[in-house]
Amino acid sequence: MRRALAAILCAAVLGAVGAAFAHAVVGRRAALVLPELHGQVSWPPGARPAPAGVPRGRVAVIALVARGCTECLAELRLTLNQLPTLLRPLVVRRVVRGHSVLLLIDRRGDVRTGYTFPFAPAFVEGDVRALSK
């Protein structure tokens, strides 16, 4: 019994020393990086151009709203109205069959991130602010 307890104690000490060493060596190199945008899907600049007809030069929102989804329109309106007037994006709305989707377009005209309805308004607001910089 004493041998087993000594072996367990020795393994715990060696594990703690190994973890401390690994953290000291690897932890410095690998910093936690949070995503720039918070949609369910995001693309780097230039990866997905916005559809034709979406103006360039300012942040835009393409709202692909399912026919009859009044809750989607209310959620979009509530979210965008919480932004300061100068940050409010141009909104391009299209009626679609199927699921409602929100796409954020940067100033260069690239699709950067997308959300399905319902979405977290704070994430959309934060992403619009990030793309407006």
N, C-alpha and C. Protein backbone atom coordinates (compact mmCIF):
# COMPACT_ATOMS: atom_id res chain seq x y z
N MET A 1 0.83 -1.19 0.00
CA MET A 1 0.00 0.00 0.00
C MET A 1 0.87 1.25 0.00
N ARG A 2 1.95 1.22 0.80
CA ARG A 2 2.83 2.39 0.86
C ARG A 2 3.52 2.63 -0.47
N ARG A 3 3.90 1.53 -1.13
CA ARG A 3 4.55 1.67 -2.43
C ARG A 3 3.60 2.31 -3.45
N ALA A 4 2.36 1.88 -3.45
CA ALA A 4 1.38 2.43 -4.38
C ALA A 4 1.15 3.91 -4.11
N LEU A 5 1.03 4.28 -2.84
CA LEU A 5 0.84 5.68 -2.47
C LEU A 5 2.06 6.51 -2.84
N ALA A 6 3.26 5.97 -2.63
CA ALA A 6 4.49 6.68 -2.99
C ALA A 6 4.58 6.85 -4.50
N ALA A 7 4.17 5.83 -5.25
CA ALA A 7 4.20 5.91 -6.72
C ALA A 7 3.23 6.98 -7.22
N ILE A 8 2.06 7.03 -6.63
CA ILE A 8 1.06 8.04 -7.02
C ILE A 8 1.55 9.44 -6.69
N LEU A 9 2.12 9.60 -5.52
CA LEU A 9 2.66 10.90 -5.12
C LEU A 9 3.80 11.33 -6.03
N CYS A 10 4.67 10.41 -6.36
CA CYS A 10 5.79 10.70 -7.26
C CYS A 10 5.28 11.09 -8.65
N ALA A 11 4.28 10.38 -9.16
CA ALA A 11 3.70 10.70 -10.47
C ALA A 11 3.05 12.07 -10.45
N ALA A 12 2.38 12.43 -9.37
CA ALA A 12 1.75 13.75 -9.27
C ALA A 12 2.79 14.86 -9.28
N VAL A 13 3.87 14.66 -8.55
CA VAL A 13 4.93 15.67 -8.51
C VAL A 13 5.56 15.82 -9.88
N LEU A 14 5.89 14.69 -10.53
CA LEU A 14 6.48 14.76 -11.87
C LEU A 14 5.51 15.39 -12.87
N GLY A 15 4.24 15.09 -12.75
CA GLY A 15 3.24 15.70 -13.64
C GLY A 15 3.15 17.20 -13.44
N ALA A 16 3.17 17.65 -12.20
CA ALA A 16 3.11 19.08 -11.92
C ALA A 16 4.34 19.80 -12.46
N VAL A 17 5.52 19.18 -12.27
CA VAL A 17 6.75 19.77 -12.79
C VAL A 17 6.71 19.82 -14.31
N GLY A 18 6.25 18.75 -14.93
CA GLY A 18 6.15 18.71 -16.40
C GLY A 18 5.16 19.74 -16.93
N ALA A 19 4.04 19.90 -16.26
CA ALA A 19 3.05 20.89 -16.69
C ALA A 19 3.59 22.30 -16.55
N ALA A 20 4.28 22.57 -15.46
CA ALA A 20 4.87 23.90 -15.26
C ALA A 20 5.91 24.19 -16.33
N PHE A 21 6.73 23.21 -16.66
CA PHE A 21 7.74 23.38 -17.70
C PHE A 21 7.09 23.61 -19.06
N ALA A 22 6.10 22.81 -19.38
CA ALA A 22 5.40 22.96 -20.67
C ALA A 22 4.74 24.33 -20.77
N HIS A 23 4.13 24.77 -19.70
CA HIS A 23 3.49 26.09 -19.72
C HIS A 23 4.53 27.19 -19.91
N ALA A 24 5.66 27.06 -19.25
CA ALA A 24 6.70 28.08 -19.36
C ALA A 24 7.28 28.14 -20.77
N VAL A 25 7.44 27.00 -21.40
CA VAL A 25 8.05 26.95 -22.74
C VAL A 25 7.03 27.22 -23.83
N VAL A 26 5.92 26.50 -23.82
CA VAL A 26 4.92 26.60 -24.88
C VAL A 26 3.99 27.78 -24.66
N GLY A 27 3.67 28.08 -23.43
CA GLY A 27 2.72 29.15 -23.12
C GLY A 27 3.15 30.51 -23.62
N ARG A 28 4.42 30.76 -23.72
CA ARG A 28 4.91 32.05 -24.20
C ARG A 28 4.70 32.20 -25.70
N ARG A 29 4.76 31.11 -26.41
CA ARG A 29 4.65 31.17 -27.87
C ARG A 29 3.21 31.22 -28.33
N ALA A 30 2.33 30.52 -27.67
CA ALA A 30 0.95 30.39 -28.11
C ALA A 30 0.05 31.29 -27.29
N ALA A 31 -0.20 32.47 -27.80
CA ALA A 31 -1.11 33.39 -27.12
C ALA A 31 -2.53 33.14 -27.61
N LEU A 32 -3.48 33.29 -26.74
CA LEU A 32 -4.88 33.13 -27.09
C LEU A 32 -5.30 34.30 -27.96
N VAL A 33 -5.81 34.00 -29.14
CA VAL A 33 -6.24 35.03 -30.07
C VAL A 33 -7.74 34.88 -30.28
N LEU A 34 -8.48 35.91 -29.94
CA LEU A 34 -9.93 35.88 -30.14
C LEU A 34 -10.25 36.21 -31.59
N PRO A 35 -11.35 35.69 -32.10
CA PRO A 35 -11.70 36.00 -33.49
C PRO A 35 -12.04 37.48 -33.64
N GLU A 36 -11.73 38.01 -34.81
CA GLU A 36 -12.04 39.41 -35.08
C GLU A 36 -13.55 39.61 -35.18
N LEU A 37 -14.24 38.68 -35.82
CA LEU A 37 -15.68 38.77 -36.02
C LEU A 37 -16.35 37.57 -35.36
N HIS A 38 -17.63 37.72 -35.03
CA HIS A 38 -18.30 36.74 -34.18
C HIS A 38 -19.49 36.03 -34.81
N GLY A 39 -19.65 36.10 -36.13
CA GLY A 39 -20.74 35.41 -36.78
C GLY A 39 -20.54 33.90 -36.74
N GLN A 40 -21.56 33.16 -37.17
CA GLN A 40 -21.42 31.71 -37.21
C GLN A 40 -20.40 31.29 -38.26
N VAL A 41 -20.17 32.14 -39.24
CA VAL A 41 -19.16 31.89 -40.26
C VAL A 41 -18.52 33.23 -40.62
N SER A 42 -17.21 33.23 -40.83
CA SER A 42 -16.50 34.46 -41.19
C SER A 42 -15.48 34.15 -42.27
N TRP A 43 -15.18 35.17 -43.08
CA TRP A 43 -14.22 35.04 -44.16
C TRP A 43 -13.20 36.16 -44.06
N PRO A 44 -11.98 35.91 -44.53
CA PRO A 44 -10.97 36.97 -44.55
C PRO A 44 -11.30 37.98 -45.64
N PRO A 45 -10.76 39.20 -45.55
CA PRO A 45 -11.00 40.19 -46.60
C PRO A 45 -10.61 39.64 -47.97
N GLY A 46 -11.46 39.89 -48.95
CA GLY A 46 -11.18 39.48 -50.32
C GLY A 46 -11.60 38.07 -50.67
N ALA A 47 -12.02 37.27 -49.71
CA ALA A 47 -12.37 35.87 -49.98
C ALA A 47 -13.73 35.72 -50.65
N ARG A 48 -14.70 36.57 -50.30
CA ARG A 48 -16.06 36.47 -50.85
C ARG A 48 -16.57 37.85 -51.22
N PRO A 49 -16.56 38.21 -52.47
CA PRO A 49 -17.10 39.51 -52.84
C PRO A 49 -18.61 39.56 -52.63
N ALA A 50 -19.09 40.73 -52.28
CA ALA A 50 -20.53 40.92 -52.10
C ALA A 50 -21.22 40.81 -53.45
N PRO A 51 -22.49 40.47 -53.44
CA PRO A 51 -23.23 40.40 -54.70
C PRO A 51 -23.26 41.77 -55.39
N ALA A 52 -23.43 41.75 -56.69
CA ALA A 52 -23.53 43.00 -57.46
C ALA A 52 -24.69 43.83 -56.91
N GLY A 53 -24.52 45.11 -56.92
CA GLY A 53 -25.57 46.01 -56.46
C GLY A 53 -25.41 46.46 -55.02
N VAL A 54 -24.48 45.86 -54.29
CA VAL A 54 -24.22 46.30 -52.92
C VAL A 54 -23.16 47.39 -53.01
N PRO A 55 -23.52 48.62 -52.60
CA PRO A 55 -22.57 49.72 -52.74
C PRO A 55 -21.31 49.53 -51.91
N ARG A 56 -20.20 50.04 -52.43
CA ARG A 56 -18.92 49.98 -51.74
C ARG A 56 -18.70 51.28 -50.98
N GLY A 57 -17.74 51.29 -50.08
CA GLY A 57 -17.38 52.52 -49.39
C GLY A 57 -17.97 52.65 -47.99
N ARG A 58 -18.91 51.81 -47.65
CA ARG A 58 -19.46 51.82 -46.29
C ARG A 58 -19.91 50.41 -45.93
N VAL A 59 -20.03 50.17 -44.65
CA VAL A 59 -20.47 48.85 -44.18
C VAL A 59 -21.93 48.66 -44.59
N ALA A 60 -22.22 47.45 -45.03
CA ALA A 60 -23.59 47.13 -45.44
C ALA A 60 -24.03 45.82 -44.81
N VAL A 61 -25.32 45.65 -44.75
CA VAL A 61 -25.94 44.41 -44.25
C VAL A 61 -26.83 43.88 -45.36
N ILE A 62 -26.63 42.62 -45.69
CA ILE A 62 -27.57 41.95 -46.59
C ILE A 62 -28.42 41.05 -45.71
N ALA A 63 -29.70 41.35 -45.67
CA ALA A 63 -30.65 40.57 -44.87
C ALA A 63 -31.47 39.71 -45.81
N LEU A 64 -31.21 38.43 -45.82
CA LEU A 64 -31.98 37.47 -46.60
C LEU A 64 -33.04 36.91 -45.67
N VAL A 65 -34.24 37.46 -45.78
CA VAL A 65 -35.30 37.18 -44.80
C VAL A 65 -36.34 36.25 -45.41
N ALA A 66 -36.63 35.18 -44.69
CA ALA A 66 -37.65 34.22 -45.13
C ALA A 66 -39.01 34.90 -45.20
N ARG A 67 -39.73 34.54 -46.22
CA ARG A 67 -41.07 35.11 -46.43
C ARG A 67 -41.92 34.95 -45.16
N GLY A 68 -42.46 36.05 -44.67
CA GLY A 68 -43.34 36.01 -43.51
C GLY A 68 -42.64 36.01 -42.16
N CYS A 69 -41.33 36.17 -42.14
CA CYS A 69 -40.61 36.16 -40.86
C CYS A 69 -40.58 37.58 -40.27
N THR A 70 -41.68 37.98 -39.67
CA THR A 70 -41.76 39.32 -39.09
C THR A 70 -40.85 39.45 -37.87
N GLU A 71 -40.62 38.32 -37.17
CA GLU A 71 -39.71 38.35 -36.02
C GLU A 71 -38.27 38.67 -36.47
N CYS A 72 -37.90 38.17 -37.64
CA CYS A 72 -36.55 38.44 -38.17
C CYS A 72 -36.38 39.93 -38.44
N LEU A 73 -37.38 40.54 -39.07
CA LEU A 73 -37.30 41.96 -39.37
C LEU A 73 -37.27 42.80 -38.09
N ALA A 74 -38.06 42.39 -37.10
CA ALA A 74 -38.07 43.12 -35.83
C ALA A 74 -36.72 43.01 -35.14
N GLU A 75 -36.11 41.81 -35.16
CA GLU A 75 -34.80 41.61 -34.54
C GLU A 75 -33.73 42.45 -35.24
N LEU A 76 -33.77 42.47 -36.56
CA LEU A 76 -32.80 43.27 -37.33
C LEU A 76 -32.97 44.75 -37.02
N ARG A 77 -34.20 45.22 -37.03
CA ARG A 77 -34.47 46.64 -36.76
C ARG A 77 -34.01 47.03 -35.35
N LEU A 78 -34.32 46.20 -34.36
CA LEU A 78 -33.93 46.47 -32.97
C LEU A 78 -32.41 46.54 -32.85
N THR A 79 -31.72 45.58 -33.46
CA THR A 79 -30.26 45.52 -33.37
C THR A 79 -29.61 46.74 -34.01
N LEU A 80 -30.03 47.08 -35.21
CA LEU A 80 -29.39 48.20 -35.91
C LEU A 80 -29.76 49.55 -35.32
N ASN A 81 -30.96 49.66 -34.74
CA ASN A 81 -31.35 50.93 -34.12
C ASN A 81 -30.57 51.22 -32.84
N GLN A 82 -29.93 50.20 -32.26
CA GLN A 82 -29.13 50.42 -31.06
C GLN A 82 -27.77 51.04 -31.39
N LEU A 83 -27.40 51.01 -32.67
CA LEU A 83 -26.12 51.60 -33.08
C LEU A 83 -26.26 53.11 -33.21
N PRO A 84 -25.18 53.86 -32.96
CA PRO A 84 -25.22 55.29 -33.24
C PRO A 84 -25.50 55.52 -34.72
N THR A 85 -26.17 56.59 -35.04
CA THR A 85 -26.57 56.88 -36.41
C THR A 85 -25.40 56.81 -37.39
N LEU A 86 -24.25 57.31 -37.01
CA LEU A 86 -23.10 57.33 -37.91
C LEU A 86 -22.56 55.93 -38.21
N LEU A 87 -22.85 54.95 -37.35
CA LEU A 87 -22.37 53.59 -37.56
C LEU A 87 -23.39 52.68 -38.24
N ARG A 88 -24.62 53.15 -38.40
CA ARG A 88 -25.65 52.28 -38.97
C ARG A 88 -25.30 51.93 -40.41
N PRO A 89 -25.30 50.64 -40.71
CA PRO A 89 -24.94 50.22 -42.06
C PRO A 89 -26.11 50.39 -43.03
N LEU A 90 -25.78 50.39 -44.30
CA LEU A 90 -26.78 50.34 -45.34
C LEU A 90 -27.40 48.94 -45.30
N VAL A 91 -28.72 48.84 -45.40
CA VAL A 91 -29.39 47.54 -45.32
C VAL A 91 -30.00 47.20 -46.68
N VAL A 92 -29.62 46.05 -47.20
CA VAL A 92 -30.19 45.52 -48.43
C VAL A 92 -31.00 44.30 -48.03
N ARG A 93 -32.32 44.37 -48.24
CA ARG A 93 -33.20 43.28 -47.82
C ARG A 93 -33.70 42.51 -49.03
N ARG A 94 -33.69 41.20 -48.91
CA ARG A 94 -34.22 40.33 -49.95
C ARG A 94 -35.10 39.28 -49.28
N VAL A 95 -36.21 38.95 -49.91
CA VAL A 95 -37.08 37.90 -49.41
C VAL A 95 -36.62 36.59 -50.04
N VAL A 96 -36.48 35.55 -49.20
CA VAL A 96 -36.00 34.25 -49.68
C VAL A 96 -36.90 33.14 -49.17
N ARG A 97 -36.76 31.99 -49.79
CA ARG A 97 -37.41 30.79 -49.29
C ARG A 97 -36.42 30.11 -48.37
N GLY A 98 -36.88 29.50 -47.32
CA GLY A 98 -35.98 28.81 -46.41
C GLY A 98 -35.64 29.64 -45.20
N HIS A 99 -34.38 29.58 -44.77
CA HIS A 99 -33.94 30.22 -43.53
C HIS A 99 -33.48 31.65 -43.76
N SER A 100 -33.68 32.48 -42.74
CA SER A 100 -33.23 33.86 -42.78
C SER A 100 -31.76 33.95 -42.39
N VAL A 101 -31.01 34.76 -43.13
CA VAL A 101 -29.58 34.89 -42.93
C VAL A 101 -29.20 36.37 -43.00
N LEU A 102 -28.24 36.76 -42.19
CA LEU A 102 -27.73 38.12 -42.18
C LEU A 102 -26.25 38.07 -42.55
N LEU A 103 -25.84 38.85 -43.55
CA LEU A 103 -24.44 38.93 -43.98
C LEU A 103 -23.93 40.35 -43.77
N LEU A 104 -22.74 40.48 -43.19
CA LEU A 104 -22.12 41.80 -43.02
C LEU A 104 -21.06 41.98 -44.09
N ILE A 105 -21.12 43.13 -44.75
CA ILE A 105 -20.23 43.47 -45.86
C ILE A 105 -19.32 44.61 -45.42
N ASP A 106 -18.01 44.45 -45.65
CA ASP A 106 -17.09 45.53 -45.25
C ASP A 106 -17.08 46.64 -46.30
N ARG A 107 -16.32 47.69 -46.04
CA ARG A 107 -16.28 48.87 -46.92
C ARG A 107 -15.76 48.56 -48.32
N ARG A 108 -14.92 47.55 -48.43
CA ARG A 108 -14.36 47.18 -49.73
C ARG A 108 -15.31 46.35 -50.57
N GLY A 109 -16.43 45.96 -49.96
CA GLY A 109 -17.41 45.17 -50.70
C GLY A 109 -17.21 43.67 -50.57
N ASP A 110 -16.61 43.23 -49.47
CA ASP A 110 -16.41 41.80 -49.23
C ASP A 110 -17.34 41.32 -48.13
N VAL A 111 -17.92 40.14 -48.33
CA VAL A 111 -18.71 39.51 -47.27
C VAL A 111 -17.72 39.06 -46.21
N ARG A 112 -17.93 39.47 -44.97
CA ARG A 112 -16.97 39.16 -43.91
C ARG A 112 -17.50 38.18 -42.88
N THR A 113 -18.79 38.25 -42.56
CA THR A 113 -19.32 37.33 -41.56
C THR A 113 -20.82 37.16 -41.77
N GLY A 114 -21.35 36.05 -41.29
CA GLY A 114 -22.77 35.76 -41.47
C GLY A 114 -23.39 35.17 -40.22
N TYR A 115 -24.67 35.43 -40.09
CA TYR A 115 -25.46 34.97 -38.93
C TYR A 115 -26.76 34.36 -39.44
N THR A 116 -27.25 33.38 -38.70
CA THR A 116 -28.61 32.92 -38.95
C THR A 116 -29.50 33.57 -37.89
N PHE A 117 -30.76 33.74 -38.22
CA PHE A 117 -31.72 34.27 -37.26
C PHE A 117 -32.22 33.12 -36.40
N PRO A 118 -32.46 33.31 -35.13
CA PRO A 118 -32.13 34.48 -34.33
C PRO A 118 -30.63 34.53 -34.05
N PHE A 119 -30.14 35.74 -33.87
CA PHE A 119 -28.71 35.93 -33.60
C PHE A 119 -28.54 36.73 -32.33
N ALA A 120 -27.31 36.82 -31.85
CA ALA A 120 -27.00 37.60 -30.66
C ALA A 120 -26.78 39.05 -31.08
N PRO A 121 -27.70 39.97 -30.76
CA PRO A 121 -27.56 41.35 -31.20
C PRO A 121 -26.22 41.99 -30.82
N ALA A 122 -25.69 41.66 -29.66
CA ALA A 122 -24.42 42.26 -29.24
C ALA A 122 -23.29 41.86 -30.17
N PHE A 123 -23.30 40.64 -30.70
CA PHE A 123 -22.26 40.22 -31.64
C PHE A 123 -22.38 40.97 -32.95
N VAL A 124 -23.60 41.14 -33.45
CA VAL A 124 -23.78 41.88 -34.71
C VAL A 124 -23.35 43.33 -34.52
N GLU A 125 -23.76 43.94 -33.42
CA GLU A 125 -23.36 45.33 -33.14
C GLU A 125 -21.84 45.45 -33.08
N GLY A 126 -21.20 44.53 -32.37
CA GLY A 126 -19.73 44.55 -32.26
C GLY A 126 -19.05 44.37 -33.60
N ASP A 127 -19.59 43.49 -34.43
CA ASP A 127 -18.98 43.25 -35.73
C ASP A 127 -19.19 44.44 -36.67
N VAL A 128 -20.34 45.08 -36.60
CA VAL A 128 -20.55 46.30 -37.40
C VAL A 128 -19.57 47.37 -36.97
N ARG A 129 -19.36 47.51 -35.67
CA ARG A 129 -18.38 48.49 -35.16
C ARG A 129 -16.98 48.15 -35.65
N ALA A 130 -16.60 46.87 -35.59
CA ALA A 130 -15.27 46.44 -36.03
C ALA A 130 -15.07 46.70 -37.51
N LEU A 131 -16.07 46.45 -38.33
CA LEU A 131 -15.95 46.67 -39.76
C LEU A 131 -16.00 48.14 -40.14
N SER A 132 -16.55 48.97 -39.26
CA SER A 132 -16.65 50.42 -39.52
C SER A 132 -15.36 51.16 -39.25
N LYS A 133 -14.40 50.51 -38.58
CA LYS A 133 -13.13 51.19 -38.23
C LYS A 133 -12.27 51.38 -39.45
